[in-house]
Amino acid sequence: MQRKYWSRLLIFAMILLIAAGATTALLKFMVTNTKTDSLHTVGMTPSSTSHAPLSSNGMKMQFPSLPTMPVPVRPSPTTRTSPASAHVSTGDANWTLIYSDDFNGNRLSSTWDTYNGPYTGGQSYYSPQEVRVQNGMLRIAIERKTTHGKPYTSGGLAAFGLAQTYGKYEVRTMLPLGKGLDPYAILWPKTTAPNAAQVDIFESPSPTKNQVLFTNHGIDGSSTGLTASGSFATAFHVFTCEWTPGLLRFLVDGVLQGTVTRSVFTRPMWFGLAISSGDALTGLPDSATSASMEVDWVHIYKYNG
């Protein structure tokens, strides 16, 4: 009886060992044959340009380019906490007005150069014909018109000759309503190195234009952004950017919206205005799109410390 008991116990133990071995082999097979999908991040790259930088003979997206100027890149703005900087100026800067344009008359001042080339990050082509001065206003237009394979034609211009390190920029403008349209004002480096930095003084990809974005795209790859809400397509507003050592201040109608201190650029930049469309930030415009950004005046100041 005792021998029969131990025989049964030995058989049961052997069954347990066989089962354990099979389980181990199965687990090993599953681990070694599991398919692993590597993660990847899709985003804007400096190759095309951050909304990207442009050319009159011719943007983490791209604009056109003037002969020796790179095209600004426009990566999607992100909002991040901006760490304190070791050398940050205050908001009590001293300014000297160096350029003022009220857009009287019927032609652009010689200070401006118009964009002429493809916006490679989207579905529009920049044409000088979409920039006009009429009835005391600068009108930067976009329309459903195919130009060099792009289904939309829009306008843009820049004051390349007024590039400077630090400054204050003011624009009184009313933005165009419409899906797929991103009116903007920009600071872009006076350099041939692509995507060295970029400041979006304002941009508004929202179809209703009830929100504007202010973004600093730093040379370290960071994008520090702020937002403001309002009715920017039904009335004129004054957008201001104050660029001083280690500090960017963004204002709407004289009211401070916020500051940025991370990766503030320290070399000359030029000022530009344009409308981009049909990129990853805006989406495609409506098929019957025809609109314009109206600019009442532009003021550019020199920083005196």
Protein backbone atom coordinates (compact mmCIF):
# COMPACT_ATOMS: atom_id res chain seq x y z
CA MET A 1 0.00 0.00 0.00
CA GLN A 2 2.81 2.38 0.94
CA ARG A 3 4.73 1.49 -2.25
CA LYS A 4 1.60 2.25 -4.34
CA TYR A 5 1.25 5.64 -2.61
CA TRP A 6 4.84 6.66 -3.37
CA SER A 7 4.50 5.49 -6.99
CA ARG A 8 1.48 7.72 -7.50
CA LEU A 9 3.25 10.64 -5.86
CA LEU A 10 6.28 10.18 -8.13
CA ILE A 11 4.05 10.11 -11.25
CA PHE A 12 2.27 13.30 -10.13
CA ALA A 13 5.61 15.06 -9.58
CA MET A 14 6.79 14.07 -13.06
CA ILE A 15 3.60 15.48 -14.59
CA LEU A 16 4.18 18.79 -12.80
CA LEU A 17 7.78 18.98 -14.08
CA ILE A 18 6.71 18.30 -17.68
CA ALA A 19 3.98 20.96 -17.46
CA ALA A 20 6.41 23.52 -16.04
CA GLY A 21 8.91 22.84 -18.83
CA ALA A 22 6.26 23.26 -21.51
CA THR A 23 5.12 26.55 -19.99
CA THR A 24 8.68 27.88 -19.92
CA ALA A 25 9.26 26.93 -23.55
CA LEU A 26 6.01 28.57 -24.59
CA LEU A 27 6.87 31.81 -22.82
CA LYS A 28 10.35 31.85 -24.36
CA PHE A 29 8.86 31.34 -27.82
CA MET A 30 6.37 34.18 -27.31
CA VAL A 31 9.08 36.62 -26.13
CA THR A 32 11.52 35.84 -28.94
CA ASN A 33 8.83 36.05 -31.62
CA THR A 34 6.95 39.14 -30.49
CA LYS A 35 6.91 41.94 -33.11
CA THR A 36 8.20 45.21 -31.71
CA ASP A 37 7.13 48.49 -33.40
CA SER A 38 9.64 51.27 -32.85
CA LEU A 39 8.12 54.63 -31.93
CA HIS A 40 8.75 57.61 -34.15
CA THR A 41 7.83 61.28 -34.01
CA VAL A 42 6.45 63.07 -37.01
CA GLY A 43 6.97 66.83 -37.07
CA MET A 44 8.14 69.84 -39.01
CA THR A 45 11.76 69.64 -40.07
CA PRO A 46 14.15 72.47 -40.91
CA SER A 47 14.65 71.19 -44.43
CA SER A 48 11.67 72.97 -45.89
CA THR A 49 11.86 75.76 -43.58
CA SER A 50 9.27 76.39 -38.63
CA HIS A 51 4.48 78.56 -40.49
CA ALA A 52 9.27 78.16 -42.45
CA PRO A 53 11.56 81.12 -43.83
CA LEU A 54 12.06 83.41 -48.56
CA SER A 55 12.94 84.92 -52.34
CA SER A 56 11.76 87.71 -54.57
CA ASN A 57 12.94 85.85 -57.66
CA GLY A 58 11.74 82.68 -56.65
CA MET A 59 7.83 78.87 -42.69
CA LYS A 60 8.49 72.64 -36.17
CA MET A 61 6.87 74.31 -43.07
CA GLN A 62 8.28 76.93 -45.43
CA PHE A 63 7.91 80.28 -47.12
CA PRO A 64 9.55 81.43 -50.31
CA SER A 65 12.95 83.05 -50.34
CA LEU A 66 14.61 86.31 -51.54
CA PRO A 67 17.95 85.86 -53.34
CA THR A 68 20.26 85.37 -50.35
CA MET A 69 17.65 84.84 -47.66
CA PRO A 70 16.57 81.45 -46.31
CA VAL A 71 12.87 80.61 -46.20
CA PRO A 72 11.38 80.71 -42.63
CA VAL A 73 10.10 77.42 -41.23
CA ARG A 74 6.93 77.23 -39.16
CA PRO A 75 6.68 74.31 -36.82
CA SER A 76 3.44 73.89 -34.93
CA PRO A 77 3.62 76.16 -31.88
CA THR A 78 3.75 74.50 -28.50
CA THR A 79 3.22 75.94 -25.05
CA ARG A 80 5.95 75.30 -22.53
CA THR A 81 7.01 76.81 -19.26
CA SER A 82 9.80 79.25 -19.94
CA PRO A 83 12.70 78.96 -17.44
CA ALA A 84 14.33 82.07 -16.07
CA SER A 85 17.32 83.46 -17.96
CA ALA A 86 20.55 84.65 -16.39
CA HIS A 87 20.56 87.86 -18.45
CA VAL A 88 17.03 89.14 -18.93
CA SER A 89 16.10 92.74 -19.64
CA THR A 90 13.06 94.40 -18.10
CA GLY A 91 10.02 95.80 -19.86
CA ASP A 92 11.29 99.37 -19.33
CA ALA A 93 13.37 99.48 -22.49
CA ASN A 94 14.33 102.66 -24.32
CA TRP A 95 13.19 102.78 -27.97
CA THR A 96 13.76 104.97 -31.01
CA LEU A 97 11.31 104.85 -33.93
CA ILE A 98 13.32 104.06 -37.08
CA TYR A 99 10.53 103.27 -39.53
CA SER A 100 6.83 104.08 -39.80
CA ASP A 101 4.54 103.20 -42.71
CA ASP A 102 0.89 104.32 -42.81
CA PHE A 103 0.50 102.93 -46.37
CA ASN A 104 -0.74 106.17 -47.89
CA GLY A 105 -0.62 106.45 -51.66
CA ASN A 106 -0.94 103.55 -54.09
CA ARG A 107 2.40 101.72 -53.96
CA LEU A 108 4.74 100.10 -51.48
CA SER A 109 7.65 101.99 -49.98
CA SER A 110 11.10 100.96 -51.24
CA THR A 111 11.73 99.58 -47.74
CA TRP A 112 9.63 96.52 -48.58
CA ASP A 113 10.40 93.49 -50.75
CA THR A 114 7.57 91.17 -51.77
CA TYR A 115 7.70 87.39 -51.53
CA ASN A 116 7.85 85.52 -54.81
CA GLY A 117 8.04 81.75 -54.61
CA PRO A 118 6.34 78.59 -53.33
CA TYR A 119 5.29 78.03 -49.75
CA THR A 120 6.68 74.51 -49.72
CA GLY A 121 4.99 73.54 -46.47
CA GLY A 122 1.50 74.12 -47.85
CA GLN A 123 -0.71 74.68 -50.86
CA SER A 124 0.01 78.30 -51.76
CA TYR A 125 2.44 80.23 -53.94
CA TYR A 126 3.62 83.71 -52.95
CA SER A 127 3.11 86.32 -55.65
CA PRO A 128 3.87 90.09 -55.58
CA GLN A 129 0.48 90.62 -57.27
CA GLU A 130 -1.25 89.67 -54.01
CA VAL A 131 0.27 92.65 -52.15
CA ARG A 132 -1.41 96.02 -52.76
CA VAL A 133 -1.60 99.48 -51.20
CA GLN A 134 -5.11 100.94 -51.57
CA ASN A 135 -7.12 103.59 -49.75
CA GLY A 136 -4.58 104.03 -47.00
CA MET A 137 -4.28 100.29 -46.31
CA LEU A 138 -1.85 97.51 -47.09
CA ARG A 139 -3.80 94.50 -48.35
CA ILE A 140 -2.17 91.07 -48.32
CA ALA A 141 -4.48 88.75 -50.23
CA ILE A 142 -5.02 85.06 -50.89
CA GLU A 143 -7.20 83.58 -53.62
CA ARG A 144 -8.10 80.31 -55.28
CA LYS A 145 -5.75 80.63 -58.26
CA THR A 146 -3.25 78.05 -59.43
CA THR A 147 0.30 79.37 -59.72
CA HIS A 148 3.19 77.06 -60.64
CA GLY A 149 1.21 74.01 -59.52
CA LYS A 150 -0.02 75.46 -56.22
CA PRO A 151 -3.84 75.81 -56.08
CA TYR A 152 -3.77 79.00 -53.97
CA THR A 153 -1.89 82.24 -54.51
CA SER A 154 -1.09 84.54 -51.58
CA GLY A 155 1.03 87.54 -50.68
CA GLY A 156 3.86 88.39 -48.36
CA LEU A 157 6.48 91.08 -47.84
CA ALA A 158 9.48 91.83 -45.64
CA ALA A 159 11.71 94.72 -44.59
CA PHE A 160 15.01 92.92 -45.18
CA GLY A 161 17.03 96.13 -45.08
CA LEU A 162 15.89 96.89 -41.52
CA ALA A 163 17.26 93.70 -39.96
CA GLN A 164 18.57 94.42 -36.47
CA THR A 165 19.47 92.78 -33.18
CA TYR A 166 16.65 93.60 -30.73
CA GLY A 167 13.81 95.94 -31.47
CA LYS A 168 10.14 96.71 -31.05
CA TYR A 169 7.57 95.90 -33.74
CA GLU A 170 3.97 97.14 -33.90
CA VAL A 171 1.31 96.21 -36.46
CA ARG A 172 -2.27 97.47 -36.58
CA THR A 173 -4.22 94.92 -38.59
CA MET A 174 -7.50 93.08 -39.11
CA LEU A 175 -7.22 89.39 -39.95
CA PRO A 176 -9.11 87.47 -42.67
CA LEU A 177 -11.76 84.91 -41.81
CA GLY A 178 -11.45 81.50 -43.37
CA LYS A 179 -10.45 77.89 -42.94
CA GLY A 180 -6.90 77.01 -43.94
CA LEU A 181 -5.57 80.58 -43.71
CA ASP A 182 -2.77 81.63 -41.40
CA PRO A 183 -2.03 85.39 -41.45
CA TYR A 184 1.14 86.18 -39.56
CA ALA A 185 3.93 88.62 -38.70
CA ILE A 186 7.41 87.17 -38.28
CA LEU A 187 10.99 87.89 -37.28
CA TRP A 188 13.53 85.79 -39.19
CA PRO A 189 17.35 85.76 -38.92
CA LYS A 190 19.47 87.62 -41.43
CA THR A 191 21.55 84.55 -42.12
CA THR A 192 21.99 81.88 -44.77
CA ALA A 193 21.86 79.14 -42.13
CA PRO A 194 18.35 77.63 -42.30
CA ASN A 195 16.12 77.55 -39.23
CA ALA A 196 18.53 79.37 -36.95
CA ALA A 197 15.57 80.87 -35.05
CA GLN A 198 12.15 82.40 -35.59
CA VAL A 199 9.72 84.63 -33.73
CA ASP A 200 6.03 84.54 -34.65
CA ILE A 201 4.91 88.01 -33.55
CA PHE A 202 1.42 86.72 -34.20
CA GLU A 203 -0.33 84.10 -36.30
CA SER A 204 -3.91 82.86 -36.40
CA PRO A 205 -4.68 79.50 -38.06
CA SER A 206 -8.14 79.43 -36.45
CA PRO A 207 -10.94 79.63 -39.10
CA THR A 208 -12.85 82.15 -36.94
CA LYS A 209 -9.72 84.12 -36.05
CA ASN A 210 -10.79 84.22 -32.42
CA GLN A 211 -7.33 83.23 -31.20
CA VAL A 212 -3.80 84.34 -31.99
CA LEU A 213 -0.56 82.54 -31.21
CA PHE A 214 2.76 84.10 -30.21
CA THR A 215 5.73 81.73 -30.49
CA ASN A 216 9.50 81.82 -30.10
CA HIS A 217 11.25 79.03 -32.01
CA GLY A 218 14.71 78.87 -30.44
CA ILE A 219 18.00 77.76 -31.95
CA ASP A 220 17.98 74.92 -29.39
CA GLY A 221 14.90 73.44 -31.09
CA SER A 222 12.46 74.62 -28.43
CA SER A 223 9.13 76.28 -29.18
CA THR A 224 7.72 78.45 -26.41
CA GLY A 225 4.24 79.75 -27.10
CA LEU A 226 1.50 82.00 -25.74
CA THR A 227 -2.09 82.60 -26.85
CA ALA A 228 -4.64 85.41 -26.74
CA SER A 229 -8.37 85.32 -27.44
CA GLY A 230 -10.55 87.95 -29.09
CA SER A 231 -12.38 88.95 -32.27
CA PHE A 232 -9.45 89.56 -34.58
CA ALA A 233 -11.39 89.45 -37.89
CA THR A 234 -14.10 91.99 -37.04
CA ALA A 235 -11.97 94.92 -35.85
CA PHE A 236 -8.44 96.27 -36.02
CA HIS A 237 -6.00 95.39 -33.24
CA VAL A 238 -2.42 96.41 -32.50
CA PHE A 239 0.03 93.52 -32.09
CA THR A 240 3.35 94.33 -30.47
CA CYS A 241 6.54 92.36 -29.91
CA GLU A 242 9.37 93.78 -27.80
CA TRP A 243 12.64 91.93 -28.30
CA THR A 244 15.39 92.73 -25.82
CA PRO A 245 18.34 90.73 -24.40
CA GLY A 246 16.95 87.46 -23.06
CA LEU A 247 13.32 88.58 -23.25
CA LEU A 248 10.37 88.67 -25.64
CA ARG A 249 7.21 90.55 -24.61
CA PHE A 250 3.97 90.09 -26.57
CA LEU A 251 1.15 92.65 -26.34
CA VAL A 252 -2.30 93.15 -27.90
CA ASP A 253 -3.72 96.68 -27.88
CA GLY A 254 -1.08 97.67 -25.34
CA VAL A 255 -1.98 94.86 -22.91
CA LEU A 256 0.80 92.42 -22.06
CA GLN A 257 -0.18 88.85 -22.98
CA GLY A 258 2.97 87.16 -21.69
CA THR A 259 6.75 86.90 -21.91
CA VAL A 260 9.29 84.37 -23.16
CA THR A 261 12.86 84.05 -21.86
CA ARG A 262 13.96 80.69 -23.27
CA SER A 263 16.43 80.65 -26.17
CA VAL A 264 15.91 84.28 -27.22
CA PHE A 265 17.92 85.02 -30.37
CA THR A 266 20.93 87.36 -30.18
CA ARG A 267 21.62 88.20 -33.85
CA PRO A 268 19.99 90.43 -36.49
CA MET A 269 16.48 89.51 -37.67
CA TRP A 270 14.19 91.01 -40.30
CA PHE A 271 10.44 91.66 -40.09
CA GLY A 272 7.83 90.19 -42.44
CA LEU A 273 4.06 89.89 -43.01
CA ALA A 274 2.25 87.23 -45.05
CA ILE A 275 -0.58 84.70 -45.32
CA SER A 276 0.24 81.00 -45.56
CA SER A 277 -2.27 78.22 -46.25
CA GLY A 278 -2.88 74.53 -46.61
CA ASP A 279 -0.19 73.25 -44.27
CA ALA A 280 -0.22 70.87 -41.30
CA LEU A 281 -1.16 73.71 -38.94
CA THR A 282 -4.06 75.18 -40.92
CA GLY A 283 -5.43 72.37 -43.04
CA LEU A 284 -6.79 72.99 -46.54
CA PRO A 285 -8.62 76.24 -47.33
CA ASP A 286 -12.21 76.36 -48.51
CA SER A 287 -12.53 75.86 -52.25
CA ALA A 288 -13.84 79.40 -52.84
CA THR A 289 -11.25 81.13 -50.66
CA SER A 290 -10.66 84.79 -51.42
CA ALA A 291 -9.65 87.01 -48.52
CA SER A 292 -7.13 89.59 -47.37
CA MET A 293 -5.34 90.78 -44.27
CA GLU A 294 -5.67 94.54 -43.97
CA VAL A 295 -2.80 96.44 -42.36
CA ASP A 296 -3.32 100.03 -41.23
CA TRP A 297 0.25 100.75 -40.20
CA VAL A 298 3.60 99.27 -39.16
CA HIS A 299 6.10 100.78 -36.69
CA ILE A 300 9.66 99.51 -36.17
CA TYR A 301 11.82 100.72 -33.28
CA LYS A 302 15.50 100.45 -32.43
CA TYR A 303 16.49 99.16 -29.00
CA ASN A 304 18.63 101.62 -27.03
CA GLY A 305 19.08 99.58 -23.87
